[in-house]
Structures are given as structure tokens and as C-alpha cells.
């Protein structure tokens, strides 16, 4: 009689990645990164797209960075076309950590303008890491076109991405400061302040935009 097959450590680890307990999933992701095996790639990437716990997702990304980019990058690039926002966002985040600049063509305008803010923010961060020198100006134009987008956190994320590109953003700031929308102007102003002094306050310009939008430009000037 053949002996009952034993569950191999690899199989147990893959099962642990989807365990109900987040601590178990965290330990499984940590083990996968500590003992990298190409056989984990599919499970790690799939889990990234559905994992609800931030710390587990972060460990999954770390585990993927421990594997050869030749194996992980093609699979992550495929995730950029996923219909699930978290899958796209986490793939972008992981690709930015891997830092393989051959991925740059996959950071499309569609991703940079993704309707889901979390995906767009991940795309902005990945883009400034992966963009080649000759693409920095074009990226700055694309990012600056989104001045005024989202809540405070989204605006700050966009500003930080632009500031990371350096002085190449100067013409985009000038255009933003002359824009007809007061929220766009305020966002450009806050970004300019961040570029000049990273320690400067960020909210003042955005608060001003809210005041102008509420009162109207003429009344806001009267109250100044």
C-alpha cells in the first residue's frame, strides 16, 4: 500500500497565504520572501490583488522583489490590465520597488489617469521612479494636467510626484498658476511651495481655493 502523500512545506505556505488570520498570511509572505522560489510568483501576485491588510500587502511586495525580475516583471505587467483596481495598484507599487526601467512603456496614460485614485497615485509614484530622462518633461505635462484632482491626500500625492521630477515642472507650474479654475491655481501654488521648500506648509493654498470657490473671486478679494 502506498503511503499517504505528505503536504510539502511549499504547499502549506501557499495555503497559508489565503488563511483567515492576517498574522498567518503575514508570516507566509515573510517566509516566501526569505526563501524565494519561482513557484510562489503566481500565488503572491494573485494575493496582492485581493489582500485586505496593508502590512500583508507590503510583505507580499517584498517577497516578490526577492525573486528574479525576469520572472516577476512580466507577470506584474499583466496585472496592469486587470479589471480590479487593487490588482493594478499593487502591481504598480511592486514594479516601482523592483525598479526595472524597461517597464516604463507599460505606465500608460490610462493608468496615470485611472479613475480610481489609489491606482492613479500608484501610477504617479511608479512613473517618477521608472521614467527615463528624456521622458521627464512629457510626464510632468501629463501629471500637471491633473491639478485640482481629488481630496487633500490625492493632491499631495500628485504634488510630491511632480516635485520629484525637479525643475522640469516649472513651465507646468506657471500654466497652473494662470489657470481659470481657482482650485487648479491653488494646487499649482501648493506644489510650487513644496518645490521651493519641502518643509513649507501644504494646506494653506488649498484652503484658499476652497474659500474662493465658496465666496467667488470678487468677494474673496474684498474679504482679503
Protein backbone atom coordinates (compact mmCIF):
# COMPACT_ATOMS: atom_id res chain seq x y z
CA UNK A 1 0.00 0.00 0.00
CA UNK A 2 1.32 3.38 -0.94
CA UNK A 3 1.85 5.76 1.97
CA UNK A 4 -0.47 8.77 2.28
CA UNK A 5 1.16 11.72 0.47
CA UNK A 6 2.55 14.32 2.84
CA UNK A 7 1.80 18.01 2.44
CA UNK A 8 5.03 19.65 1.37
CA UNK A 9 6.21 22.88 3.03
CA UNK A 10 5.62 24.75 -0.22
CA UNK A 11 2.02 23.63 -0.36
CA UNK A 12 1.44 24.60 3.25
CA UNK A 13 2.91 28.03 2.61
CA UNK A 14 0.71 28.62 -0.40
CA UNK A 15 -2.33 27.63 1.62
CA UNK A 16 -1.25 29.92 4.47
CA UNK A 17 -1.23 32.91 2.10
CA UNK A 18 -5.02 32.70 1.99
CA UNK A 19 -5.57 31.83 5.65
CA UNK A 20 -8.31 33.65 7.54
CA UNK A 21 -5.88 35.01 10.12
CA UNK A 22 -3.85 38.02 8.88
CA UNK A 23 -0.87 37.11 11.09
CA UNK A 24 -0.70 33.71 9.39
CA UNK A 25 -0.80 35.38 5.98
CA UNK A 26 1.91 37.83 7.05
CA UNK A 27 4.20 35.02 8.22
CA UNK A 28 3.59 33.11 4.99
CA UNK A 29 4.52 36.14 2.87
CA UNK A 30 7.63 36.69 5.02
CA UNK A 31 8.66 33.07 4.56
CA UNK A 32 8.11 33.31 0.80
CA UNK A 33 10.47 36.27 0.71
CA UNK A 34 13.03 34.69 3.00
CA UNK A 35 13.16 31.55 0.87
CA UNK A 36 12.33 32.83 -2.63
CA UNK A 37 11.04 30.27 -5.08
CA UNK A 38 9.73 30.95 -8.59
CA UNK A 39 6.84 28.64 -7.76
CA UNK A 40 5.44 31.31 -5.43
CA UNK A 41 5.09 34.05 -8.04
CA UNK A 42 1.57 33.31 -9.22
CA UNK A 43 0.17 32.95 -5.70
CA UNK A 44 1.94 36.09 -4.46
CA UNK A 45 0.71 38.22 -7.34
CA UNK A 46 -2.82 36.91 -7.10
CA UNK A 47 -2.88 37.55 -3.35
CA UNK A 48 -1.69 41.12 -3.89
CA UNK A 49 -4.85 41.81 -5.83
CA UNK A 50 -7.21 40.77 -3.03
CA UNK A 51 -5.28 41.06 0.24
CA UNK A 52 -7.17 43.43 2.59
CA UNK A 53 -4.38 44.01 5.12
CA UNK A 54 -1.85 46.75 4.31
CA UNK A 55 1.03 45.10 6.17
CA UNK A 56 0.46 41.78 4.45
CA UNK A 57 0.36 43.51 1.06
CA UNK A 58 3.64 45.22 1.88
CA UNK A 59 5.21 41.87 2.76
CA UNK A 60 3.86 40.32 -0.44
CA UNK A 61 5.54 43.09 -2.41
CA UNK A 62 8.80 42.48 -0.53
CA UNK A 63 8.59 38.77 -1.28
CA UNK A 64 8.15 39.50 -4.98
CA UNK A 65 11.17 41.82 -5.01
CA UNK A 66 13.26 38.92 -3.72
CA UNK A 67 12.64 36.96 -6.90
CA UNK A 68 14.25 37.46 -10.29
CA UNK A 69 12.73 40.36 -12.27
CA UNK A 70 12.80 38.10 -15.33
CA UNK A 71 10.10 36.07 -13.61
CA UNK A 72 8.13 38.70 -11.71
CA UNK A 73 8.04 41.67 -14.10
CA UNK A 74 6.11 40.00 -16.96
CA UNK A 75 3.50 38.70 -14.50
CA UNK A 76 3.15 42.10 -12.83
CA UNK A 77 2.87 43.86 -16.18
CA UNK A 78 -0.03 41.58 -17.00
CA UNK A 79 -1.74 42.70 -13.77
CA UNK A 80 -1.76 46.29 -15.02
CA UNK A 81 -4.59 45.26 -17.34
CA UNK A 82 -6.63 43.73 -14.52
CA UNK A 83 -10.21 44.82 -14.04
CA UNK A 84 -9.62 45.03 -10.29
CA UNK A 85 -8.28 48.34 -9.03
CA UNK A 86 -6.29 46.84 -6.15
CA UNK A 87 -4.54 44.43 -8.51
CA UNK A 88 -3.46 47.30 -10.76
CA UNK A 89 -2.43 49.49 -7.83
CA UNK A 90 -0.39 46.82 -6.07
CA UNK A 91 1.29 45.72 -9.29
CA UNK A 92 2.36 49.32 -9.94
CA UNK A 93 3.63 49.63 -6.38
CA UNK A 94 5.64 46.42 -6.68
CA UNK A 95 7.09 47.38 -10.05
CA UNK A 96 8.25 50.68 -8.58
CA UNK A 97 10.05 48.75 -5.84
CA UNK A 98 11.69 46.42 -8.35
CA UNK A 99 12.83 49.47 -10.32
CA UNK A 100 13.20 47.81 -13.72
CA UNK A 101 13.09 50.73 -16.16
CA UNK A 102 12.15 48.51 -19.07
CA UNK A 103 8.67 48.65 -17.53
CA UNK A 104 8.30 52.35 -18.37
CA UNK A 105 6.29 51.85 -21.61
CA UNK A 106 3.68 49.95 -19.56
CA UNK A 107 3.00 53.03 -17.39
CA UNK A 108 0.37 54.29 -19.78
CA UNK A 109 -1.67 57.47 -19.87
CA UNK A 110 -4.67 55.34 -18.96
CA UNK A 111 -3.00 54.28 -15.72
CA UNK A 112 -1.78 57.79 -14.94
CA UNK A 113 -5.38 59.00 -15.29
CA UNK A 114 -7.05 55.93 -13.82
CA UNK A 115 -10.49 56.74 -12.44
CA UNK A 116 -9.56 55.00 -9.19
CA UNK A 117 -7.46 57.41 -7.12
CA UNK A 118 -5.42 54.64 -5.49
CA UNK A 119 -4.38 53.29 -8.89
CA UNK A 120 -3.55 56.75 -10.23
CA UNK A 121 -1.43 57.54 -7.17
CA UNK A 122 0.47 54.26 -7.53
CA UNK A 123 0.99 55.04 -11.21
CA UNK A 124 2.34 58.51 -10.39
CA UNK A 125 4.81 57.11 -7.87
CA UNK A 126 5.92 54.34 -10.21
CA UNK A 127 6.26 56.74 -13.13
CA UNK A 128 8.67 59.11 -11.39
CA UNK A 129 10.84 56.12 -10.43
CA UNK A 130 10.86 54.47 -13.85
CA UNK A 131 10.72 57.39 -16.29
CA UNK A 132 13.83 57.80 -18.49
CA UNK A 133 15.49 61.20 -18.57
CA UNK A 134 14.06 62.05 -21.97
CA UNK A 135 10.55 61.32 -20.76
CA UNK A 136 10.53 63.54 -17.69
CA UNK A 137 9.07 66.60 -19.40
CA UNK A 138 6.26 64.63 -21.00
CA UNK A 139 5.44 63.00 -17.68
CA UNK A 140 5.39 66.40 -15.99
CA UNK A 141 2.88 67.65 -18.57
CA UNK A 142 0.68 64.61 -18.03
CA UNK A 143 0.74 64.92 -14.25
CA UNK A 144 0.20 68.68 -14.20
CA UNK A 145 -2.88 68.25 -16.38
CA UNK A 146 -4.48 66.70 -13.30
CA UNK A 147 -4.02 69.70 -11.00
CA UNK A 148 -7.13 70.02 -8.85
CA UNK A 149 -7.89 66.30 -8.75
CA UNK A 150 -9.18 64.58 -5.65
CA UNK A 151 -9.04 65.22 -1.93
CA UNK A 152 -6.12 66.59 0.04
CA UNK A 153 -4.24 63.29 0.07
CA UNK A 154 -4.60 62.80 -3.68
CA UNK A 155 -3.49 66.38 -4.34
CA UNK A 156 -0.48 65.97 -2.06
CA UNK A 157 0.46 62.72 -3.78
CA UNK A 158 0.32 64.42 -7.19
CA UNK A 159 2.36 67.36 -5.92
CA UNK A 160 5.03 65.09 -4.50
CA UNK A 161 5.26 63.18 -7.78
CA UNK A 162 5.71 66.44 -9.68
CA UNK A 163 8.29 67.77 -7.23
CA UNK A 164 10.25 64.53 -7.60
CA UNK A 165 10.74 65.44 -11.27
CA UNK A 166 12.55 68.65 -10.30
CA UNK A 167 12.85 71.91 -12.19
CA UNK A 168 11.40 70.43 -15.37
CA UNK A 169 7.96 71.18 -13.87
CA UNK A 170 8.48 74.97 -13.86
CA UNK A 171 6.52 75.66 -17.10
CA UNK A 172 3.67 73.45 -15.88
CA UNK A 173 3.53 75.33 -12.60
CA UNK A 174 3.39 78.62 -14.46
CA UNK A 175 0.48 77.38 -16.55
CA UNK A 176 -1.29 76.06 -13.48
CA UNK A 177 -0.90 79.36 -11.65
CA UNK A 178 -2.62 81.12 -14.57
CA UNK A 179 -5.48 78.62 -14.85
CA UNK A 180 -9.07 79.83 -14.70
CA UNK A 181 -10.06 77.33 -12.00
CA UNK A 182 -9.12 78.59 -8.50
CA UNK A 183 -8.70 75.01 -7.23
CA UNK A 184 -6.20 74.29 -10.01
CA UNK A 185 -4.34 77.52 -9.25
CA UNK A 186 -4.20 76.72 -5.55
CA UNK A 187 -2.94 73.20 -6.25
CA UNK A 188 -0.23 74.57 -8.53
CA UNK A 189 0.69 77.14 -5.89
CA UNK A 190 0.93 74.49 -3.19
CA UNK A 191 3.11 72.39 -5.50
CA UNK A 192 5.36 75.35 -6.21
CA UNK A 193 5.72 75.99 -2.48
CA UNK A 194 6.63 72.33 -1.96
CA UNK A 195 9.23 72.53 -4.73
CA UNK A 196 10.85 75.64 -3.23
CA UNK A 197 10.68 74.48 0.37
CA UNK A 198 9.84 70.83 1.16
CA UNK A 199 9.27 71.84 4.78
CA UNK A 200 6.71 74.52 3.94
CA UNK A 201 3.05 74.08 4.81
CA UNK A 202 0.89 72.46 2.17
CA UNK A 203 -2.70 73.16 3.18
CA UNK A 204 -2.73 76.96 3.02
CA UNK A 205 -3.10 77.17 -0.74
CA UNK A 206 -5.79 74.51 -0.85
CA UNK A 207 -7.73 76.19 1.92
CA UNK A 208 -7.56 79.43 -0.06
CA UNK A 209 -9.03 77.66 -3.07
CA UNK A 210 -11.96 76.42 -1.01
CA UNK A 211 -12.57 79.95 0.25
CA UNK A 212 -12.51 81.37 -3.27
CA UNK A 213 -14.81 78.65 -4.55
CA UNK A 214 -17.27 79.31 -1.72
CA UNK A 215 -17.26 83.12 -1.88
CA UNK A 216 -16.45 83.72 -5.51
CA UNK A 217 -13.29 85.54 -6.68
CA UNK A 218 -14.68 89.05 -6.25
CA UNK A 219 -15.98 88.57 -2.69
CA UNK A 220 -12.82 86.75 -1.66
CA UNK A 221 -10.73 89.69 -2.80
CA UNK A 222 -12.96 92.05 -0.80
CA UNK A 223 -12.52 89.95 2.33
CA UNK A 224 -8.73 89.74 1.99
